[in-house]
Amino acid sequence: MLSNMASSLILHKRISTTVAKAKALRKYIEPLITKSKTDSSHSRRVVFSYLQDKESIKILFDEISEKINDRPGGYTRIIKTENRLGDNADMCIMELVDYNELLLADKEPAQAKTTRRSRRGKKTAQVEASDDAVVIEETKDEVAEQEASAAKENKEEPTDEPAEGSDAKTDNEEDSKKE
């Protein structure tokens, strides 16, 4: 079973299986991938004795060993998914680390950083982005426009009731009329 799963992982670069099988497969396939770093007839025969599949041996030694040549270990990744509906077994996806294009693409644009903006007076903020300093200046006019728009949003609607000061005047007028 481990031999077939290892061949499938090498051919397809990703398989879906249970967590227990994936952990067992990791212990089975990582030494084989390490062995594939040295492309000799002895290492090919040793790996073939485990896998028994010529096509997966060819892909392992030609394609995969070039990608993982500088990696010291940890060639596989286990990503847990939902439980299986039939027997509620813990399922996962096991994949070769260097073949996940989505995760490799996310690492590159993550270096861009955003700047902070202040609402107080004229300020200068500096943020380093790839060895160049980016300077953002806010003038007092821009800050005044921002505060004015914020004040318009927070402005309360007038009510029909008179203010407190006007209530006091009406009470005094009523007292004077009674006397």
N, C-alpha and C. Protein backbone atom coordinates (compact mmCIF):
# COMPACT_ATOMS: atom_id res chain seq x y z
N MET A 1 0.82 -1.19 0.00
CA MET A 1 0.00 0.00 0.00
C MET A 1 0.87 1.26 0.00
N LEU A 2 1.91 1.30 0.84
CA LEU A 2 2.79 2.47 0.90
C LEU A 2 3.53 2.68 -0.42
N SER A 3 3.91 1.59 -1.08
CA SER A 3 4.59 1.70 -2.36
C SER A 3 3.68 2.34 -3.41
N ASN A 4 2.44 1.91 -3.46
CA ASN A 4 1.50 2.49 -4.41
C ASN A 4 1.19 3.95 -4.10
N MET A 5 1.04 4.27 -2.82
CA MET A 5 0.78 5.65 -2.44
C MET A 5 1.96 6.55 -2.75
N ALA A 6 3.18 6.03 -2.53
CA ALA A 6 4.38 6.81 -2.83
C ALA A 6 4.50 7.06 -4.33
N SER A 7 4.21 6.06 -5.14
CA SER A 7 4.24 6.24 -6.59
C SER A 7 3.19 7.25 -7.03
N SER A 8 2.01 7.21 -6.45
CA SER A 8 0.97 8.17 -6.80
C SER A 8 1.36 9.58 -6.40
N LEU A 9 1.98 9.73 -5.24
CA LEU A 9 2.43 11.05 -4.79
C LEU A 9 3.50 11.61 -5.72
N ILE A 10 4.41 10.77 -6.17
CA ILE A 10 5.46 11.21 -7.08
C ILE A 10 4.88 11.59 -8.44
N LEU A 11 3.95 10.81 -8.94
CA LEU A 11 3.38 11.08 -10.25
C LEU A 11 2.45 12.29 -10.26
N HIS A 12 1.61 12.44 -9.23
CA HIS A 12 0.59 13.48 -9.21
C HIS A 12 0.95 14.68 -8.34
N LYS A 13 2.01 14.58 -7.56
CA LYS A 13 2.50 15.64 -6.67
C LYS A 13 1.57 15.96 -5.50
N ARG A 14 0.37 15.40 -5.48
CA ARG A 14 -0.58 15.63 -4.40
C ARG A 14 -1.59 14.50 -4.37
N ILE A 15 -1.87 13.97 -3.17
CA ILE A 15 -2.88 12.94 -3.03
C ILE A 15 -3.76 13.26 -1.82
N SER A 16 -4.96 12.72 -1.82
CA SER A 16 -5.88 12.88 -0.71
C SER A 16 -6.01 11.53 -0.01
N THR A 17 -5.79 11.52 1.31
CA THR A 17 -5.81 10.27 2.07
C THR A 17 -6.14 10.58 3.52
N THR A 18 -6.13 9.55 4.36
CA THR A 18 -6.37 9.77 5.79
C THR A 18 -5.08 10.26 6.45
N VAL A 19 -5.23 10.86 7.61
CA VAL A 19 -4.07 11.42 8.31
C VAL A 19 -3.11 10.32 8.74
N ALA A 20 -3.63 9.19 9.20
CA ALA A 20 -2.76 8.09 9.65
C ALA A 20 -1.93 7.54 8.50
N LYS A 21 -2.56 7.36 7.33
CA LYS A 21 -1.81 6.87 6.17
C LYS A 21 -0.78 7.89 5.70
N ALA A 22 -1.13 9.16 5.78
CA ALA A 22 -0.20 10.21 5.34
C ALA A 22 1.03 10.26 6.24
N LYS A 23 0.84 10.10 7.54
CA LYS A 23 1.99 10.11 8.45
C LYS A 23 2.89 8.90 8.22
N ALA A 24 2.29 7.77 7.92
CA ALA A 24 3.08 6.57 7.62
C ALA A 24 3.81 6.74 6.28
N LEU A 25 3.14 7.34 5.32
CA LEU A 25 3.75 7.56 4.00
C LEU A 25 4.91 8.54 4.08
N ARG A 26 4.79 9.53 4.96
CA ARG A 26 5.87 10.51 5.12
C ARG A 26 7.16 9.81 5.56
N LYS A 27 7.05 8.90 6.50
CA LYS A 27 8.24 8.16 6.97
C LYS A 27 8.79 7.24 5.89
N TYR A 28 7.93 6.83 4.97
CA TYR A 28 8.33 5.91 3.91
C TYR A 28 9.01 6.65 2.75
N ILE A 29 8.47 7.80 2.38
CA ILE A 29 8.92 8.44 1.14
C ILE A 29 10.06 9.45 1.34
N GLU A 30 10.16 10.08 2.49
CA GLU A 30 11.21 11.09 2.66
C GLU A 30 12.62 10.52 2.53
N PRO A 31 12.93 9.33 3.07
CA PRO A 31 14.27 8.77 2.80
C PRO A 31 14.50 8.45 1.32
N LEU A 32 13.42 8.08 0.61
CA LEU A 32 13.57 7.80 -0.82
C LEU A 32 13.88 9.08 -1.60
N ILE A 33 13.24 10.17 -1.22
CA ILE A 33 13.51 11.44 -1.88
C ILE A 33 14.93 11.91 -1.58
N THR A 34 15.38 11.69 -0.35
CA THR A 34 16.76 12.04 0.00
C THR A 34 17.73 11.20 -0.80
N LYS A 35 17.42 9.94 -0.99
CA LYS A 35 18.27 9.04 -1.79
C LYS A 35 18.34 9.49 -3.24
N SER A 36 17.27 10.14 -3.74
CA SER A 36 17.23 10.55 -5.14
C SER A 36 18.13 11.75 -5.43
N LYS A 37 18.64 12.40 -4.41
CA LYS A 37 19.53 13.54 -4.63
C LYS A 37 20.82 13.13 -5.32
N THR A 38 21.29 11.92 -5.02
CA THR A 38 22.48 11.41 -5.70
C THR A 38 22.02 10.48 -6.81
N ASP A 39 22.22 10.91 -8.04
CA ASP A 39 21.74 10.14 -9.18
C ASP A 39 22.80 9.14 -9.61
N SER A 40 22.77 7.97 -9.00
CA SER A 40 23.69 6.88 -9.36
C SER A 40 22.85 5.62 -9.59
N SER A 41 23.45 4.65 -10.24
CA SER A 41 22.70 3.42 -10.49
C SER A 41 22.38 2.70 -9.18
N HIS A 42 23.25 2.81 -8.19
CA HIS A 42 22.97 2.17 -6.91
C HIS A 42 21.75 2.80 -6.24
N SER A 43 21.68 4.14 -6.21
CA SER A 43 20.53 4.79 -5.56
C SER A 43 19.25 4.53 -6.35
N ARG A 44 19.34 4.47 -7.67
CA ARG A 44 18.15 4.15 -8.47
C ARG A 44 17.65 2.73 -8.17
N ARG A 45 18.55 1.79 -8.01
CA ARG A 45 18.15 0.40 -7.71
C ARG A 45 17.55 0.28 -6.32
N VAL A 46 18.12 1.03 -5.36
CA VAL A 46 17.57 0.99 -4.00
C VAL A 46 16.16 1.55 -3.98
N VAL A 47 15.95 2.69 -4.65
CA VAL A 47 14.62 3.30 -4.68
C VAL A 47 13.65 2.41 -5.47
N PHE A 48 14.12 1.78 -6.54
CA PHE A 48 13.25 0.89 -7.32
C PHE A 48 12.81 -0.32 -6.49
N SER A 49 13.68 -0.78 -5.58
CA SER A 49 13.29 -1.92 -4.74
C SER A 49 12.12 -1.56 -3.81
N TYR A 50 11.97 -0.26 -3.49
CA TYR A 50 10.84 0.19 -2.65
C TYR A 50 9.60 0.48 -3.48
N LEU A 51 9.77 1.14 -4.64
CA LEU A 51 8.61 1.63 -5.39
C LEU A 51 8.09 0.66 -6.44
N GLN A 52 8.95 -0.07 -7.12
CA GLN A 52 8.56 -1.02 -8.15
C GLN A 52 7.78 -0.37 -9.29
N ASP A 53 8.18 0.84 -9.69
CA ASP A 53 7.51 1.53 -10.78
C ASP A 53 8.53 2.37 -11.53
N LYS A 54 8.79 2.02 -12.79
CA LYS A 54 9.82 2.69 -13.57
C LYS A 54 9.48 4.15 -13.85
N GLU A 55 8.22 4.44 -14.10
CA GLU A 55 7.82 5.82 -14.43
C GLU A 55 8.02 6.75 -13.24
N SER A 56 7.64 6.31 -12.05
CA SER A 56 7.81 7.16 -10.87
C SER A 56 9.29 7.34 -10.53
N ILE A 57 10.12 6.33 -10.78
CA ILE A 57 11.57 6.45 -10.56
C ILE A 57 12.14 7.51 -11.50
N LYS A 58 11.70 7.48 -12.75
CA LYS A 58 12.19 8.43 -13.74
C LYS A 58 11.83 9.86 -13.33
N ILE A 59 10.57 10.10 -12.93
CA ILE A 59 10.14 11.43 -12.51
C ILE A 59 10.86 11.86 -11.23
N LEU A 60 11.02 10.93 -10.30
CA LEU A 60 11.68 11.25 -9.03
C LEU A 60 13.12 11.70 -9.25
N PHE A 61 13.87 11.00 -10.05
CA PHE A 61 15.29 11.32 -10.23
C PHE A 61 15.52 12.48 -11.20
N ASP A 62 14.65 12.63 -12.19
CA ASP A 62 14.87 13.69 -13.17
C ASP A 62 14.26 15.02 -12.74
N GLU A 63 13.01 15.01 -12.35
CA GLU A 63 12.28 16.25 -12.12
C GLU A 63 12.30 16.69 -10.65
N ILE A 64 11.93 15.79 -9.76
CA ILE A 64 11.77 16.16 -8.35
C ILE A 64 13.12 16.41 -7.68
N SER A 65 14.12 15.59 -7.97
CA SER A 65 15.42 15.76 -7.30
C SER A 65 16.07 17.09 -7.65
N GLU A 66 15.80 17.65 -8.83
CA GLU A 66 16.34 18.96 -9.18
C GLU A 66 15.72 20.06 -8.34
N LYS A 67 14.43 19.96 -8.08
CA LYS A 67 13.75 20.99 -7.31
C LYS A 67 14.11 20.97 -5.83
N ILE A 68 14.35 19.80 -5.28
CA ILE A 68 14.59 19.69 -3.84
C ILE A 68 16.07 19.56 -3.51
N ASN A 69 16.93 19.82 -4.46
CA ASN A 69 18.36 19.58 -4.26
C ASN A 69 18.94 20.41 -3.11
N ASP A 70 18.48 21.64 -2.92
CA ASP A 70 19.03 22.48 -1.86
C ASP A 70 18.26 22.37 -0.55
N ARG A 71 17.14 21.66 -0.52
CA ARG A 71 16.33 21.50 0.69
C ARG A 71 16.91 20.38 1.56
N PRO A 72 17.15 20.64 2.87
CA PRO A 72 17.76 19.62 3.73
C PRO A 72 16.80 18.53 4.20
N GLY A 73 15.53 18.73 4.09
CA GLY A 73 14.55 17.74 4.53
C GLY A 73 13.17 18.34 4.49
N GLY A 74 12.17 17.62 4.94
CA GLY A 74 10.81 18.14 4.95
C GLY A 74 10.26 18.33 3.55
N TYR A 75 10.24 17.27 2.77
CA TYR A 75 9.84 17.36 1.37
C TYR A 75 8.34 17.28 1.17
N THR A 76 7.62 16.85 2.19
CA THR A 76 6.17 16.68 2.07
C THR A 76 5.44 17.58 3.06
N ARG A 77 4.20 17.86 2.74
CA ARG A 77 3.35 18.69 3.60
C ARG A 77 2.01 17.98 3.75
N ILE A 78 1.48 17.97 4.97
CA ILE A 78 0.17 17.38 5.25
C ILE A 78 -0.78 18.51 5.63
N ILE A 79 -1.84 18.68 4.85
CA ILE A 79 -2.85 19.71 5.11
C ILE A 79 -4.14 18.99 5.48
N LYS A 80 -4.60 19.19 6.70
CA LYS A 80 -5.81 18.50 7.17
C LYS A 80 -7.05 19.13 6.56
N THR A 81 -7.98 18.28 6.16
CA THR A 81 -9.25 18.73 5.60
C THR A 81 -10.38 18.19 6.47
N GLU A 82 -11.60 18.24 5.97
CA GLU A 82 -12.74 17.78 6.74
C GLU A 82 -12.74 16.27 6.91
N ASN A 83 -13.57 15.81 7.84
CA ASN A 83 -13.71 14.37 8.07
C ASN A 83 -14.49 13.72 6.93
N ARG A 84 -14.22 12.45 6.69
CA ARG A 84 -14.91 11.71 5.65
C ARG A 84 -16.34 11.43 6.11
N LEU A 85 -17.30 11.52 5.20
CA LEU A 85 -18.70 11.36 5.57
C LEU A 85 -19.04 9.95 6.02
N GLY A 86 -18.51 8.93 5.39
CA GLY A 86 -18.90 7.56 5.68
C GLY A 86 -18.51 7.10 7.08
N ASP A 87 -17.25 7.26 7.44
CA ASP A 87 -16.78 6.73 8.73
C ASP A 87 -16.17 7.80 9.63
N ASN A 88 -16.29 9.08 9.25
CA ASN A 88 -15.80 10.21 10.05
C ASN A 88 -14.28 10.15 10.27
N ALA A 89 -13.56 9.59 9.30
CA ALA A 89 -12.10 9.52 9.42
C ALA A 89 -11.48 10.88 9.12
N ASP A 90 -10.39 11.21 9.81
CA ASP A 90 -9.67 12.46 9.57
C ASP A 90 -9.00 12.38 8.21
N MET A 91 -9.37 13.29 7.31
CA MET A 91 -8.81 13.31 5.96
C MET A 91 -7.79 14.44 5.82
N CYS A 92 -6.90 14.27 4.85
CA CYS A 92 -5.89 15.29 4.61
C CYS A 92 -5.45 15.23 3.16
N ILE A 93 -4.71 16.26 2.77
CA ILE A 93 -4.07 16.29 1.47
C ILE A 93 -2.58 16.25 1.73
N MET A 94 -1.90 15.31 1.10
CA MET A 94 -0.44 15.23 1.23
C MET A 94 0.15 15.65 -0.09
N GLU A 95 1.13 16.57 -0.02
CA GLU A 95 1.70 17.10 -1.25
C GLU A 95 3.20 17.30 -1.09
N LEU A 96 3.87 17.37 -2.22
CA LEU A 96 5.28 17.73 -2.22
C LEU A 96 5.39 19.24 -2.06
N VAL A 97 6.29 19.67 -1.19
CA VAL A 97 6.35 21.08 -0.78
C VAL A 97 6.65 22.02 -1.94
N ASP A 98 7.57 21.69 -2.80
CA ASP A 98 8.00 22.61 -3.85
C ASP A 98 7.05 22.65 -5.04
N TYR A 99 5.93 21.96 -4.99
CA TYR A 99 5.02 21.91 -6.13
C TYR A 99 3.68 22.59 -5.87
N ASN A 100 3.53 23.33 -4.79
CA ASN A 100 2.30 24.05 -4.53
C ASN A 100 2.48 25.48 -5.03
N GLU A 101 1.93 25.79 -6.21
CA GLU A 101 2.12 27.09 -6.83
C GLU A 101 1.42 28.20 -6.06
N LEU A 102 0.31 27.89 -5.40
CA LEU A 102 -0.43 28.92 -4.67
C LEU A 102 0.37 29.45 -3.49
N LEU A 103 0.99 28.58 -2.73
CA LEU A 103 1.77 29.02 -1.58
C LEU A 103 3.07 29.68 -2.02
N LEU A 104 3.67 29.21 -3.09
CA LEU A 104 4.90 29.82 -3.58
C LEU A 104 4.62 31.21 -4.13
N ALA A 105 3.47 31.43 -4.75
CA ALA A 105 3.12 32.73 -5.30
C ALA A 105 2.78 33.72 -4.20
N ASP A 106 2.23 33.27 -3.07
CA ASP A 106 1.87 34.16 -1.97
C ASP A 106 3.10 34.75 -1.29
N LYS A 107 4.20 34.06 -1.28
CA LYS A 107 5.38 34.53 -0.57
C LYS A 107 6.02 35.74 -1.25
N GLU A 108 5.96 35.83 -2.57
CA GLU A 108 6.64 36.90 -3.29
C GLU A 108 6.00 38.27 -3.08
N PRO A 109 4.68 38.49 -3.29
CA PRO A 109 4.15 39.84 -3.14
C PRO A 109 3.90 40.25 -1.69
N ALA A 110 4.19 39.43 -0.74
CA ALA A 110 3.94 39.75 0.66
C ALA A 110 4.92 40.79 1.20
N GLN A 111 5.91 41.20 0.44
CA GLN A 111 6.92 42.14 0.91
C GLN A 111 6.44 43.58 0.89
N ALA A 112 5.42 43.92 0.11
CA ALA A 112 4.91 45.29 0.02
C ALA A 112 4.22 45.64 1.33
N LYS A 113 4.49 46.86 1.84
CA LYS A 113 3.90 47.30 3.11
C LYS A 113 3.09 48.55 2.87
N THR A 114 2.11 48.78 3.73
CA THR A 114 1.28 49.97 3.63
C THR A 114 1.80 51.03 4.60
N THR A 115 1.36 52.27 4.39
CA THR A 115 1.82 53.37 5.24
C THR A 115 0.72 53.76 6.20
N ARG A 116 1.10 54.41 7.27
CA ARG A 116 0.15 54.93 8.24
C ARG A 116 -0.12 56.39 7.89
N ARG A 117 -1.33 56.82 8.10
CA ARG A 117 -1.68 58.21 7.85
C ARG A 117 -2.20 58.81 9.14
N SER A 118 -1.75 60.00 9.43
CA SER A 118 -2.16 60.68 10.64
C SER A 118 -3.12 61.80 10.28
N ARG A 119 -4.01 62.17 11.20
CA ARG A 119 -4.95 63.25 10.97
C ARG A 119 -4.49 64.53 11.64
N ARG A 120 -3.35 64.53 12.26
CA ARG A 120 -2.84 65.69 12.99
C ARG A 120 -1.85 66.45 12.12
N GLY A 121 -2.06 67.72 11.95
CA GLY A 121 -1.10 68.64 11.33
C GLY A 121 -0.28 68.07 10.19
N LYS A 122 0.81 68.75 9.88
CA LYS A 122 1.71 68.32 8.81
C LYS A 122 2.70 67.33 9.39
N LYS A 123 2.61 66.10 8.95
CA LYS A 123 3.48 65.02 9.45
C LYS A 123 4.18 64.38 8.27
N THR A 124 5.28 63.72 8.56
CA THR A 124 6.01 62.96 7.56
C THR A 124 6.16 61.54 8.06
N ALA A 125 5.71 60.57 7.27
CA ALA A 125 5.83 59.16 7.64
C ALA A 125 6.78 58.49 6.67
N GLN A 126 7.68 57.66 7.19
CA GLN A 126 8.61 56.95 6.34
C GLN A 126 8.41 55.46 6.52
N VAL A 127 8.35 54.75 5.40
CA VAL A 127 8.22 53.30 5.39
C VAL A 127 9.24 52.78 4.41
N GLU A 128 10.01 51.77 4.81
CA GLU A 128 10.99 51.20 3.91
C GLU A 128 10.36 50.06 3.13
N ALA A 129 10.45 50.16 1.81
CA ALA A 129 9.95 49.12 0.94
C ALA A 129 11.04 48.78 -0.06
N SER A 130 11.64 47.63 0.11
CA SER A 130 12.71 47.12 -0.75
C SER A 130 13.84 48.14 -0.92
N ASP A 131 14.45 48.55 0.17
CA ASP A 131 15.63 49.41 0.24
C ASP A 131 15.39 50.84 -0.22
N ASP A 132 14.20 51.28 -0.53
CA ASP A 132 13.89 52.65 -0.91
C ASP A 132 12.94 53.22 0.13
N ALA A 133 13.17 54.47 0.54
CA ALA A 133 12.29 55.10 1.51
C ALA A 133 11.17 55.82 0.78
N VAL A 134 9.95 55.58 1.23
CA VAL A 134 8.79 56.22 0.64
C VAL A 134 8.30 57.26 1.63
N VAL A 135 8.13 58.51 1.17
CA VAL A 135 7.73 59.60 2.05
C VAL A 135 6.35 60.07 1.64
N ILE A 136 5.46 60.17 2.64
CA ILE A 136 4.11 60.64 2.39
C ILE A 136 3.89 61.86 3.26
N GLU A 137 3.48 62.98 2.64
CA GLU A 137 3.24 64.21 3.37
C GLU A 137 1.77 64.57 3.30
N GLU A 138 1.23 65.02 4.41
CA GLU A 138 -0.14 65.49 4.45
C GLU A 138 -0.11 66.97 4.82
N THR A 139 -0.75 67.78 4.04
CA THR A 139 -0.80 69.21 4.33
C THR A 139 -1.98 69.50 5.25
N LYS A 140 -2.00 70.71 5.80
CA LYS A 140 -3.07 71.09 6.72
C LYS A 140 -4.41 71.17 5.99
N ASP A 141 -4.39 71.54 4.70
CA ASP A 141 -5.63 71.61 3.93
C ASP A 141 -6.28 70.24 3.82
N GLU A 142 -5.47 69.21 3.54
CA GLU A 142 -6.00 67.85 3.42
C GLU A 142 -6.59 67.38 4.73
N VAL A 143 -5.90 67.70 5.84
CA VAL A 143 -6.39 67.30 7.15
C VAL A 143 -7.69 68.02 7.47
N ALA A 144 -7.79 69.31 7.11
CA ALA A 144 -9.00 70.07 7.37
C ALA A 144 -10.17 69.50 6.57
N GLU A 145 -9.93 69.08 5.33
CA GLU A 145 -10.99 68.48 4.52
C GLU A 145 -11.45 67.16 5.11
N GLN A 146 -10.51 66.37 5.63
CA GLN A 146 -10.87 65.10 6.24
C GLN A 146 -11.70 65.32 7.50
N GLU A 147 -11.32 66.32 8.32
CA GLU A 147 -12.06 66.60 9.54
C GLU A 147 -13.45 67.14 9.23
N ALA A 148 -13.56 67.94 8.18
CA ALA A 148 -14.86 68.49 7.80
C ALA A 148 -15.80 67.38 7.34
N SER A 149 -15.27 66.45 6.56
CA SER A 149 -16.12 65.35 6.10
C SER A 149 -16.51 64.44 7.26
N ALA A 150 -15.61 64.25 8.23
CA ALA A 150 -15.94 63.45 9.41
C ALA A 150 -16.98 64.15 10.26
N ALA A 151 -16.91 65.49 10.35
CA ALA A 151 -17.89 66.24 11.13
C ALA A 151 -19.27 66.16 10.49
N LYS A 152 -19.33 66.19 9.15
CA LYS A 152 -20.62 66.09 8.46
C LYS A 152 -21.26 64.73 8.72
N GLU A 153 -20.45 63.68 8.77
CA GLU A 153 -20.98 62.34 9.01
C GLU A 153 -21.49 62.18 10.43
N ASN A 154 -20.81 62.84 11.39
CA ASN A 154 -21.17 62.68 12.80
C ASN A 154 -22.20 63.71 13.26
N LYS A 155 -22.62 64.66 12.40
CA LYS A 155 -23.54 65.72 12.78
C LYS A 155 -24.90 65.13 13.11
N GLU A 156 -25.47 65.59 14.25
CA GLU A 156 -26.76 65.07 14.68
C GLU A 156 -27.89 65.87 14.02
N GLU A 157 -29.02 65.25 13.83
CA GLU A 157 -30.18 65.88 13.24
C GLU A 157 -30.84 66.78 14.30
N PRO A 158 -31.30 67.98 13.93
CA PRO A 158 -31.96 68.85 14.93
C PRO A 158 -33.32 68.28 15.33
N THR A 159 -33.68 68.52 16.60
CA THR A 159 -34.96 68.02 17.12
C THR A 159 -35.93 69.18 17.29
N ASP A 160 -37.20 68.90 17.50
CA ASP A 160 -38.22 69.94 17.67
C ASP A 160 -38.23 70.50 19.08
N GLU A 161 -37.59 69.84 20.02
CA GLU A 161 -37.58 70.29 21.40
C GLU A 161 -36.61 71.46 21.54
N PRO A 162 -36.94 72.46 22.33
CA PRO A 162 -36.02 73.59 22.54
C PRO A 162 -34.86 73.18 23.42
N ALA A 163 -33.78 73.93 23.33
CA ALA A 163 -32.59 73.65 24.12
C ALA A 163 -32.85 73.95 25.58
N GLU A 164 -31.90 73.60 26.47
CA GLU A 164 -32.07 73.79 27.91
C GLU A 164 -32.20 75.25 28.27
N GLY A 165 -31.43 76.09 27.69
CA GLY A 165 -31.46 77.53 27.99
C GLY A 165 -32.80 78.13 27.66
N SER A 166 -33.43 77.72 26.58
CA SER A 166 -34.73 78.27 26.20
C SER A 166 -35.82 77.79 27.15
N ASP A 167 -35.69 76.62 27.74
CA ASP A 167 -36.66 76.12 28.73
C ASP A 167 -36.64 77.00 29.96
N ALA A 168 -35.47 77.42 30.35
CA ALA A 168 -35.35 78.26 31.55
C ALA A 168 -36.05 79.60 31.34
N LYS A 169 -35.97 80.19 30.15
CA LYS A 169 -36.61 81.47 29.88
C LYS A 169 -38.13 81.33 29.92
N THR A 170 -38.63 80.26 29.38
CA THR A 170 -40.09 80.10 29.39
C THR A 170 -40.61 79.91 30.80
N ASP A 171 -39.86 79.25 31.67
CA ASP A 171 -40.27 79.09 33.06
C ASP A 171 -40.29 80.44 33.76
N ASN A 172 -39.29 81.28 33.51
CA ASN A 172 -39.23 82.61 34.13
C ASN A 172 -40.39 83.47 33.65
N GLU A 173 -40.74 83.39 32.38
CA GLU A 173 -41.84 84.19 31.85
C GLU A 173 -43.16 83.76 32.47
N GLU A 174 -43.34 82.47 32.66
CA GLU A 174 -44.57 81.97 33.27
C GLU A 174 -44.67 82.43 34.73
N ASP A 175 -43.55 82.45 35.48
CA ASP A 175 -43.55 82.89 36.88
C ASP A 175 -43.91 84.38 36.96
N SER A 176 -43.41 85.17 36.03
CA SER A 176 -43.69 86.62 36.06
C SER A 176 -45.15 86.89 35.74
N LYS A 177 -45.76 86.09 34.90
CA LYS A 177 -47.17 86.28 34.54
C LYS A 177 -48.08 85.94 35.70
N LYS A 178 -47.69 84.96 36.53
CA LYS A 178 -48.50 84.54 37.67
C LYS A 178 -48.52 85.63 38.73
N GLU A 179 -47.47 86.38 38.91
CA GLU A 179 -47.42 87.41 39.96
C GLU A 179 -48.21 88.56 39.59
